Amino acid sequence: MNNDALTNKVALVTGGGRGIGAAVALRLAQDGADVAFTYHSNHDRAAGVVEQIKATGRRALAMPVDNADTAALVAAVDRVAGELGRLDILVNNAGAFPLGPIEDVGLAEYEATMAVNVRGPLFATQAAVRHMTTGGRIVNIGSNVVERTVFGGFSLYALSKTALTGMTKALGRELGPRGITVNLVHPGATDTELNPADGPNAEYVNGFIALGHYADPADVAAAVSFLAGGDGRYVTGASISVDGGFTI
């Protein structure tokens, strides 16, 4: 069901072509926003997300961008503001997900991961706030492994996502006087193509989750929608876990 909580707003979701990012893009459109999103390479899937957004009656803009390419990402932010007339909401969702023992982490993998998970959100935010006015919203997508890491092989990924906590708090303080909020959402295990709820390790993972099951991408999108809308106007610098109780 559509509502008008974000009517006349324009949102940009990085990595919005699938999974959590696509769910966020669709939810923001259902709430009334025109939505742009970046995607990496799957044009057909991105076109499907565009059609879903347009079906809500909102404008959609899909942009193929490698989020490790900072110049291209900044250009995409500026393009959204230019083509859609403004920019009110930025969701830094695109992410790299490296896994493996610490002995196997190489410099190239480190640089690639930090480029997408840390550098991208920082400079996308820098570009976005040039276009934002009072009421602007920035929502970063982290991970519950920042709070609790029960499996091996997550050192590089956890490092990169932990950096978003400091960035979120510092930017929340810096941008608060301008009426722009900055928050961080930590998803837990979420039923996506890359991490299906019926996958080979799902039963084991569910044993750590208080609610006993994976999230639907729409559950994460709902938290982002709250923070992006008027009801989230007095929340900034916060980290919110959407993980079914994995971290309690």
C-alpha atoms as a PDB file:
ATOM      1  CA  MET A   1       0.000   0.000   0.000  1.00  0.00           C
ATOM      2  CA  ASN A   2       1.325   3.394  -0.985  1.00  0.00           C
ATOM      3  CA  ASN A   3       1.415   6.368   1.382  1.00  0.00           C
ATOM      4  CA  ASP A   4       2.568   9.950   1.070  1.00  0.00           C
ATOM      5  CA  ALA A   5       5.166  10.132   3.848  1.00  0.00           C
ATOM      6  CA  LEU A   6       7.909  11.016   1.355  1.00  0.00           C
ATOM      7  CA  THR A   7       5.895  12.917  -1.230  1.00  0.00           C
ATOM      8  CA  ASN A   8       7.986  15.447  -3.178  1.00  0.00           C
ATOM      9  CA  LYS A   9      11.203  13.863  -1.922  1.00  0.00           C
ATOM     10  CA  VAL A  10      13.991  12.459  -4.097  1.00  0.00           C
ATOM     11  CA  ALA A  11      16.070   9.509  -2.901  1.00  0.00           C
ATOM     12  CA  LEU A  12      19.249   7.842  -4.114  1.00  0.00           C
ATOM     13  CA  VAL A  13      20.005   4.243  -3.123  1.00  0.00           C
ATOM     14  CA  THR A  14      23.433   2.867  -3.976  1.00  0.00           C
ATOM     15  CA  GLY A  15      23.448  -0.804  -4.894  1.00  0.00           C
ATOM     16  CA  GLY A  16      19.699  -0.702  -5.460  1.00  0.00           C
ATOM     17  CA  GLY A  17      19.496  -3.282  -8.220  1.00  0.00           C
ATOM     18  CA  ARG A  18      18.886  -6.304  -6.008  1.00  0.00           C
ATOM     19  CA  GLY A  19      18.449  -7.610  -2.487  1.00  0.00           C
ATOM     20  CA  ILE A  20      18.171  -5.151   0.375  1.00  0.00           C
ATOM     21  CA  GLY A  21      18.930  -2.195  -1.898  1.00  0.00           C
ATOM     22  CA  ALA A  22      16.072  -3.029  -4.265  1.00  0.00           C
ATOM     23  CA  ALA A  23      13.688  -3.467  -1.326  1.00  0.00           C
ATOM     24  CA  VAL A  24      14.731  -0.069   0.056  1.00  0.00           C
ATOM     25  CA  ALA A  25      14.275   1.602  -3.333  1.00  0.00           C
ATOM     26  CA  LEU A  26      10.793   0.138  -3.709  1.00  0.00           C
ATOM     27  CA  ARG A  27       9.734   1.025  -0.150  1.00  0.00           C
ATOM     28  CA  LEU A  28      10.832   4.641  -0.554  1.00  0.00           C
ATOM     29  CA  ALA A  29       8.854   4.831  -3.785  1.00  0.00           C
ATOM     30  CA  GLN A  30       5.813   3.324  -2.082  1.00  0.00           C
ATOM     31  CA  ASP A  31       6.176   6.050   0.537  1.00  0.00           C
ATOM     32  CA  GLY A  32       6.020   8.714  -2.161  1.00  0.00           C
ATOM     33  CA  ALA A  33       9.634   9.445  -3.139  1.00  0.00           C
ATOM     34  CA  ASP A  34      11.072   9.566  -6.622  1.00  0.00           C
ATOM     35  CA  VAL A  35      13.937   7.077  -6.504  1.00  0.00           C
ATOM     36  CA  ALA A  36      17.269   6.805  -8.276  1.00  0.00           C
ATOM     37  CA  PHE A  37      19.619   3.913  -7.693  1.00  0.00           C
ATOM     38  CA  THR A  38      22.992   2.643  -8.784  1.00  0.00           C
ATOM     39  CA  TYR A  39      23.635  -0.927  -9.825  1.00  0.00           C
ATOM     40  CA  HIS A  40      26.753  -2.784 -10.839  1.00  0.00           C
ATOM     41  CA  SER A  41      26.104  -4.740 -14.026  1.00  0.00           C
ATOM     42  CA  ASN A  42      22.757  -6.566 -14.323  1.00  0.00           C
ATOM     43  CA  HIS A  43      20.779  -4.306 -16.649  1.00  0.00           C
ATOM     44  CA  ASP A  44      17.761  -6.589 -16.872  1.00  0.00           C
ATOM     45  CA  ARG A  45      17.374  -6.782 -13.110  1.00  0.00           C
ATOM     46  CA  ALA A  46      17.782  -3.027 -12.774  1.00  0.00           C
ATOM     47  CA  ALA A  47      15.098  -2.523 -15.423  1.00  0.00           C
ATOM     48  CA  GLY A  48      12.779  -4.671 -13.350  1.00  0.00           C
ATOM     49  CA  VAL A  49      13.343  -2.486 -10.293  1.00  0.00           C
ATOM     50  CA  VAL A  50      12.664   0.590 -12.413  1.00  0.00           C
ATOM     51  CA  GLU A  51       9.340  -0.867 -13.511  1.00  0.00           C
ATOM     52  CA  GLN A  52       8.395  -1.642  -9.907  1.00  0.00           C
ATOM     53  CA  ILE A  53       9.149   1.935  -8.886  1.00  0.00           C
ATOM     54  CA  LYS A  54       7.208   3.367 -11.808  1.00  0.00           C
ATOM     55  CA  ALA A  55       4.256   1.139 -10.922  1.00  0.00           C
ATOM     56  CA  THR A  56       3.915   3.136  -7.687  1.00  0.00           C
ATOM     57  CA  GLY A  57       3.489   6.302  -9.735  1.00  0.00           C
ATOM     58  CA  ARG A  58       6.944   7.643  -8.943  1.00  0.00           C
ATOM     59  CA  ARG A  59       9.866   8.582 -11.181  1.00  0.00           C
ATOM     60  CA  ALA A  60      12.800   6.171 -11.395  1.00  0.00           C
ATOM     61  CA  LEU A  61      16.391   6.515 -12.545  1.00  0.00           C
ATOM     62  CA  ALA A  62      18.801   3.569 -12.758  1.00  0.00           C
ATOM     63  CA  MET A  63      22.519   4.249 -13.190  1.00  0.00           C
ATOM     64  CA  PRO A  64      25.215   1.626 -13.854  1.00  0.00           C
ATOM     65  CA  VAL A  65      28.003   2.614 -11.462  1.00  0.00           C
ATOM     66  CA  ASP A  66      30.935   0.751  -9.978  1.00  0.00           C
ATOM     67  CA  ASN A  67      30.794   2.029  -6.405  1.00  0.00           C
ATOM     68  CA  ALA A  68      34.553   1.559  -6.107  1.00  0.00           C
ATOM     69  CA  ASP A  69      34.885   4.318  -8.712  1.00  0.00           C
ATOM     70  CA  THR A  70      34.550   7.397  -6.518  1.00  0.00           C
ATOM     71  CA  ALA A  71      34.441   9.856  -9.405  1.00  0.00           C
ATOM     72  CA  ALA A  72      31.620   7.923 -11.085  1.00  0.00           C
ATOM     73  CA  LEU A  73      29.715   7.681  -7.813  1.00  0.00           C
ATOM     74  CA  VAL A  74      29.977  11.416  -7.142  1.00  0.00           C
ATOM     75  CA  ALA A  75      28.884  12.111 -10.710  1.00  0.00           C
ATOM     76  CA  ALA A  76      25.842   9.889 -10.146  1.00  0.00           C
ATOM     77  CA  VAL A  77      24.882  11.880  -7.037  1.00  0.00           C
ATOM     78  CA  ASP A  78      25.075  15.122  -8.980  1.00  0.00           C
ATOM     79  CA  ARG A  79      23.136  13.592 -11.872  1.00  0.00           C
ATOM     80  CA  VAL A  80      20.249  12.684  -9.584  1.00  0.00           C
ATOM     81  CA  ALA A  81      20.007  16.224  -8.249  1.00  0.00           C
ATOM     82  CA  GLY A  82      20.164  17.595 -11.778  1.00  0.00           C
ATOM     83  CA  GLU A  83      17.711  15.257 -13.512  1.00  0.00           C
ATOM     84  CA  LEU A  84      15.212  14.819 -10.674  1.00  0.00           C
ATOM     85  CA  GLY A  85      15.500  18.390  -9.439  1.00  0.00           C
ATOM     86  CA  ARG A  86      16.720  17.828  -5.888  1.00  0.00           C
ATOM     87  CA  LEU A  87      18.157  15.264  -3.479  1.00  0.00           C
ATOM     88  CA  ASP A  88      16.676  14.682  -0.036  1.00  0.00           C
ATOM     89  CA  ILE A  89      17.652  11.127   0.905  1.00  0.00           C
ATOM     90  CA  LEU A  90      20.862   9.146   0.395  1.00  0.00           C
ATOM     91  CA  VAL A  91      21.017   5.471   1.318  1.00  0.00           C
ATOM     92  CA  ASN A  92      24.588   4.152   1.214  1.00  0.00           C
ATOM     93  CA  ASN A  93      23.753   0.504   0.644  1.00  0.00           C
ATOM     94  CA  ALA A  94      26.249  -0.791  -1.931  1.00  0.00           C
ATOM     95  CA  GLY A  95      28.752  -3.116  -0.331  1.00  0.00           C
ATOM     96  CA  ALA A  96      31.537  -5.597  -0.893  1.00  0.00           C
ATOM     97  CA  PHE A  97      31.357  -8.816   1.127  1.00  0.00           C
ATOM     98  CA  PRO A  98      34.799 -10.434   1.418  1.00  0.00           C
ATOM     99  CA  LEU A  99      35.124 -13.626   3.427  1.00  0.00           C
ATOM    100  CA  GLY A 100      38.178 -15.686   4.265  1.00  0.00           C
ATOM    101  CA  PRO A 101      40.924 -16.297   6.831  1.00  0.00           C
ATOM    102  CA  ILE A 102      43.143 -13.399   7.810  1.00  0.00           C
ATOM    103  CA  GLU A 103      46.142 -15.147   6.250  1.00  0.00           C
ATOM    104  CA  ASP A 104      44.515 -14.828   2.831  1.00  0.00           C
ATOM    105  CA  VAL A 105      43.668 -11.106   2.984  1.00  0.00           C
ATOM    106  CA  GLY A 106      45.719  -9.311   0.352  1.00  0.00           C
ATOM    107  CA  LEU A 107      46.328  -5.626  -0.169  1.00  0.00           C
ATOM    108  CA  ALA A 108      44.277  -5.550  -3.365  1.00  0.00           C
ATOM    109  CA  GLU A 109      41.268  -7.119  -1.635  1.00  0.00           C
ATOM    110  CA  TYR A 110      41.650  -4.701   1.271  1.00  0.00           C
ATOM    111  CA  GLU A 111      41.760  -1.695  -1.054  1.00  0.00           C
ATOM    112  CA  ALA A 112      38.774  -2.911  -3.089  1.00  0.00           C
ATOM    113  CA  THR A 113      36.670  -3.551   0.012  1.00  0.00           C
ATOM    114  CA  MET A 114      37.419  -0.223   1.633  1.00  0.00           C
ATOM    115  CA  ALA A 115      36.768   1.584  -1.649  1.00  0.00           C
ATOM    116  CA  VAL A 116      33.191   0.299  -1.775  1.00  0.00           C
ATOM    117  CA  ASN A 117      32.316   0.018   1.925  1.00  0.00           C
ATOM    118  CA  VAL A 118      34.018   3.132   3.322  1.00  0.00           C
ATOM    119  CA  ARG A 119      35.312   5.512   0.672  1.00  0.00           C
ATOM    120  CA  GLY A 120      32.139   5.261  -1.391  1.00  0.00           C
ATOM    121  CA  PRO A 121      29.749   6.212   1.435  1.00  0.00           C
ATOM    122  CA  LEU A 122      32.035   9.035   2.590  1.00  0.00           C
ATOM    123  CA  PHE A 123      32.321  10.760  -0.766  1.00  0.00           C
ATOM    124  CA  ALA A 124      28.744  10.017  -1.824  1.00  0.00           C
ATOM    125  CA  THR A 125      27.672  11.752   1.376  1.00  0.00           C
ATOM    126  CA  GLN A 126      30.014  14.660   0.720  1.00  0.00           C
ATOM    127  CA  ALA A 127      28.461  15.100  -2.716  1.00  0.00           C
ATOM    128  CA  ALA A 128      24.899  14.633  -1.463  1.00  0.00           C
ATOM    129  CA  VAL A 129      25.013  17.230   1.298  1.00  0.00           C
ATOM    130  CA  ARG A 130      25.878  19.893  -1.258  1.00  0.00           C
ATOM    131  CA  HIS A 131      22.346  19.395  -2.587  1.00  0.00           C
ATOM    132  CA  MET A 132      20.505  18.801   0.690  1.00  0.00           C
ATOM    133  CA  THR A 133      18.640  21.323   2.793  1.00  0.00           C
ATOM    134  CA  THR A 134      16.977  21.070   6.199  1.00  0.00           C
ATOM    135  CA  GLY A 135      15.225  17.709   6.432  1.00  0.00           C
ATOM    136  CA  GLY A 136      17.913  15.851   4.488  1.00  0.00           C
ATOM    137  CA  ARG A 137      18.450  12.224   5.406  1.00  0.00           C
ATOM    138  CA  ILE A 138      21.494   9.984   5.117  1.00  0.00           C
ATOM    139  CA  VAL A 139      21.163   6.314   6.015  1.00  0.00           C
ATOM    140  CA  ASN A 140      24.197   4.040   5.941  1.00  0.00           C
ATOM    141  CA  ILE A 141      23.819   0.269   5.730  1.00  0.00           C
ATOM    142  CA  GLY A 142      26.231  -1.592   7.984  1.00  0.00           C
ATOM    143  CA  SER A 143      26.116  -5.136   9.352  1.00  0.00           C
ATOM    144  CA  ASN A 144      25.353  -6.914  12.596  1.00  0.00           C
ATOM    145  CA  VAL A 145      28.879  -8.370  12.586  1.00  0.00           C
ATOM    146  CA  VAL A 146      29.974  -4.964  13.879  1.00  0.00           C
ATOM    147  CA  GLU A 147      28.277  -5.867  17.167  1.00  0.00           C
ATOM    148  CA  ARG A 148      28.755  -9.636  17.247  1.00  0.00           C
ATOM    149  CA  THR A 149      31.014 -11.798  15.107  1.00  0.00           C
ATOM    150  CA  VAL A 150      30.421 -15.469  15.822  1.00  0.00           C
ATOM    151  CA  PHE A 151      31.977 -16.895  12.656  1.00  0.00           C
ATOM    152  CA  GLY A 152      35.541 -16.793  11.401  1.00  0.00           C
ATOM    153  CA  GLY A 153      36.608 -15.148   8.163  1.00  0.00           C
ATOM    154  CA  PHE A 154      34.909 -11.780   8.687  1.00  0.00           C
ATOM    155  CA  SER A 155      37.915  -9.660   9.696  1.00  0.00           C
ATOM    156  CA  LEU A 156      38.091  -7.453   6.595  1.00  0.00           C
ATOM    157  CA  TYR A 157      34.330  -7.114   6.204  1.00  0.00           C
ATOM    158  CA  ALA A 158      33.800  -6.295   9.897  1.00  0.00           C
ATOM    159  CA  LEU A 159      36.643  -3.762   9.758  1.00  0.00           C
ATOM    160  CA  SER A 160      35.052  -1.935   6.835  1.00  0.00           C
ATOM    161  CA  LYS A 161      31.555  -1.886   8.312  1.00  0.00           C
ATOM    162  CA  THR A 162      32.817  -0.788  11.724  1.00  0.00           C
ATOM    163  CA  ALA A 163      34.250   2.324  10.081  1.00  0.00           C
ATOM    164  CA  LEU A 164      30.694   3.393   9.246  1.00  0.00           C
ATOM    165  CA  THR A 165      29.876   3.710  12.956  1.00  0.00           C
ATOM    166  CA  GLY A 166      32.451   6.431  13.518  1.00  0.00           C
ATOM    167  CA  MET A 167      31.551   8.133  10.268  1.00  0.00           C
ATOM    168  CA  THR A 168      27.844   8.124  11.108  1.00  0.00           C
ATOM    169  CA  LYS A 169      28.348   9.599  14.568  1.00  0.00           C
ATOM    170  CA  ALA A 170      30.759  12.276  13.387  1.00  0.00           C
ATOM    171  CA  LEU A 171      28.562  13.308  10.473  1.00  0.00           C
ATOM    172  CA  GLY A 172      25.486  13.303  12.683  1.00  0.00           C
ATOM    173  CA  ARG A 173      27.205  15.865  14.900  1.00  0.00           C
ATOM    174  CA  GLU A 174      28.540  17.910  11.987  1.00  0.00           C
ATOM    175  CA  LEU A 175      25.344  18.016   9.946  1.00  0.00           C
ATOM    176  CA  GLY A 176      22.895  18.340  12.828  1.00  0.00           C
ATOM    177  CA  PRO A 177      22.973  22.172  12.816  1.00  0.00           C
ATOM    178  CA  ARG A 178      21.927  22.008   9.159  1.00  0.00           C
ATOM    179  CA  GLY A 179      18.904  19.849   9.963  1.00  0.00           C
ATOM    180  CA  ILE A 180      20.342  16.786   8.196  1.00  0.00           C
ATOM    181  CA  THR A 181      20.238  13.463  10.036  1.00  0.00           C
ATOM    182  CA  VAL A 182      22.745  10.638   9.591  1.00  0.00           C
ATOM    183  CA  ASN A 183      22.009   7.124  10.833  1.00  0.00           C
ATOM    184  CA  LEU A 184      23.233   3.569  10.476  1.00  0.00           C
ATOM    185  CA  VAL A 185      21.155   0.409   9.994  1.00  0.00           C
ATOM    186  CA  HIS A 186      22.766  -2.952  10.792  1.00  0.00           C
ATOM    187  CA  PRO A 187      20.972  -5.805   8.995  1.00  0.00           C
ATOM    188  CA  GLY A 188      21.439  -9.342  10.166  1.00  0.00           C
ATOM    189  CA  ALA A 189      20.963 -12.469   8.081  1.00  0.00           C
ATOM    190  CA  THR A 190      18.538 -11.436   5.347  1.00  0.00           C
ATOM    191  CA  ASP A 191      16.864 -13.630   2.746  1.00  0.00           C
ATOM    192  CA  THR A 192      18.501 -12.533  -0.507  1.00  0.00           C
ATOM    193  CA  GLU A 193      19.924 -14.246  -3.553  1.00  0.00           C
ATOM    194  CA  LEU A 194      23.398 -14.142  -2.036  1.00  0.00           C
ATOM    195  CA  ASN A 195      22.254 -15.399   1.390  1.00  0.00           C
ATOM    196  CA  PRO A 196      19.032 -17.399   0.974  1.00  0.00           C
ATOM    197  CA  ALA A 197      16.973 -18.327   4.004  1.00  0.00           C
ATOM    198  CA  ASP A 198      16.984 -21.940   2.803  1.00  0.00           C
ATOM    199  CA  GLY A 199      20.727 -22.031   2.132  1.00  0.00           C
ATOM    200  CA  PRO A 200      23.078 -24.722   3.438  1.00  0.00           C
ATOM    201  CA  ASN A 201      24.097 -22.734   6.536  1.00  0.00           C
ATOM    202  CA  ALA A 202      20.739 -21.145   7.315  1.00  0.00           C
ATOM    203  CA  GLU A 203      19.664 -23.583  10.018  1.00  0.00           C
ATOM    204  CA  TYR A 204      22.939 -23.048  11.855  1.00  0.00           C
ATOM    205  CA  VAL A 205      22.670 -19.260  11.563  1.00  0.00           C
ATOM    206  CA  ASN A 206      19.076 -19.324  12.789  1.00  0.00           C
ATOM    207  CA  GLY A 207      20.307 -20.815  16.031  1.00  0.00           C
ATOM    208  CA  PHE A 208      21.922 -17.460  16.899  1.00  0.00           C
ATOM    209  CA  ILE A 209      18.826 -15.394  16.056  1.00  0.00           C
ATOM    210  CA  ALA A 210      16.382 -14.754  18.907  1.00  0.00           C
ATOM    211  CA  LEU A 211      13.412 -14.771  16.517  1.00  0.00           C
ATOM    212  CA  GLY A 212      14.736 -17.917  14.872  1.00  0.00           C
ATOM    213  CA  HIS A 213      14.586 -16.896  11.219  1.00  0.00           C
ATOM    214  CA  TYR A 214      16.114 -14.660   8.572  1.00  0.00           C
ATOM    215  CA  ALA A 215      14.823 -11.158   7.866  1.00  0.00           C
ATOM    216  CA  ASP A 216      12.927 -10.331   4.732  1.00  0.00           C
ATOM    217  CA  PRO A 217      14.580  -7.452   2.809  1.00  0.00           C
ATOM    218  CA  ALA A 218      11.375  -5.498   3.441  1.00  0.00           C
ATOM    219  CA  ASP A 219      12.134  -5.585   7.185  1.00  0.00           C
ATOM    220  CA  VAL A 220      15.355  -3.667   6.627  1.00  0.00           C
ATOM    221  CA  ALA A 221      13.632  -1.345   4.169  1.00  0.00           C
ATOM    222  CA  ALA A 222      11.029  -0.476   6.798  1.00  0.00           C
ATOM    223  CA  ALA A 223      13.728   0.730   9.195  1.00  0.00           C
ATOM    224  CA  VAL A 224      15.326   2.817   6.462  1.00  0.00           C
ATOM    225  CA  SER A 225      11.933   4.281   5.575  1.00  0.00           C
ATOM    226  CA  PHE A 226      11.349   5.333   9.177  1.00  0.00           C
ATOM    227  CA  LEU A 227      14.716   7.080   9.380  1.00  0.00           C
ATOM    228  CA  ALA A 228      14.192   8.728   5.977  1.00  0.00           C
ATOM    229  CA  GLY A 229      10.764  10.119   6.828  1.00  0.00           C
ATOM    230  CA  GLY A 230       9.370  12.773   9.098  1.00  0.00           C
ATOM    231  CA  ASP A 231       8.980  10.403  12.035  1.00  0.00           C
ATOM    232  CA  GLY A 232      12.774   9.978  12.111  1.00  0.00           C
ATOM    233  CA  ARG A 233      13.466  13.691  12.376  1.00  0.00           C
ATOM    234  CA  TYR A 234      14.869  13.494  15.938  1.00  0.00           C
ATOM    235  CA  VAL A 235      17.101  10.448  15.421  1.00  0.00           C
ATOM    236  CA  THR A 236      20.681  11.079  14.336  1.00  0.00           C
ATOM    237  CA  GLY A 237      24.044   9.419  14.883  1.00  0.00           C
ATOM    238  CA  ALA A 238      22.222   6.223  15.846  1.00  0.00           C
ATOM    239  CA  SER A 239      22.950   2.597  15.011  1.00  0.00           C
ATOM    240  CA  ILE A 240      19.840   0.435  14.675  1.00  0.00           C
ATOM    241  CA  SER A 241      20.061  -3.353  14.450  1.00  0.00           C
ATOM    242  CA  VAL A 242      17.522  -5.159  12.286  1.00  0.00           C
ATOM    243  CA  ASP A 243      18.747  -8.669  12.986  1.00  0.00           C
ATOM    244  CA  GLY A 244      16.004 -10.532  14.835  1.00  0.00           C
ATOM    245  CA  GLY A 245      17.965 -10.395  18.075  1.00  0.00           C
ATOM    246  CA  PHE A 246      21.246 -11.821  16.757  1.00  0.00           C
ATOM    247  CA  THR A 247      23.209  -9.307  18.814  1.00  0.00           C
ATOM    248  CA  ILE A 248      21.412  -9.671  22.151  1.00  0.00           C
END
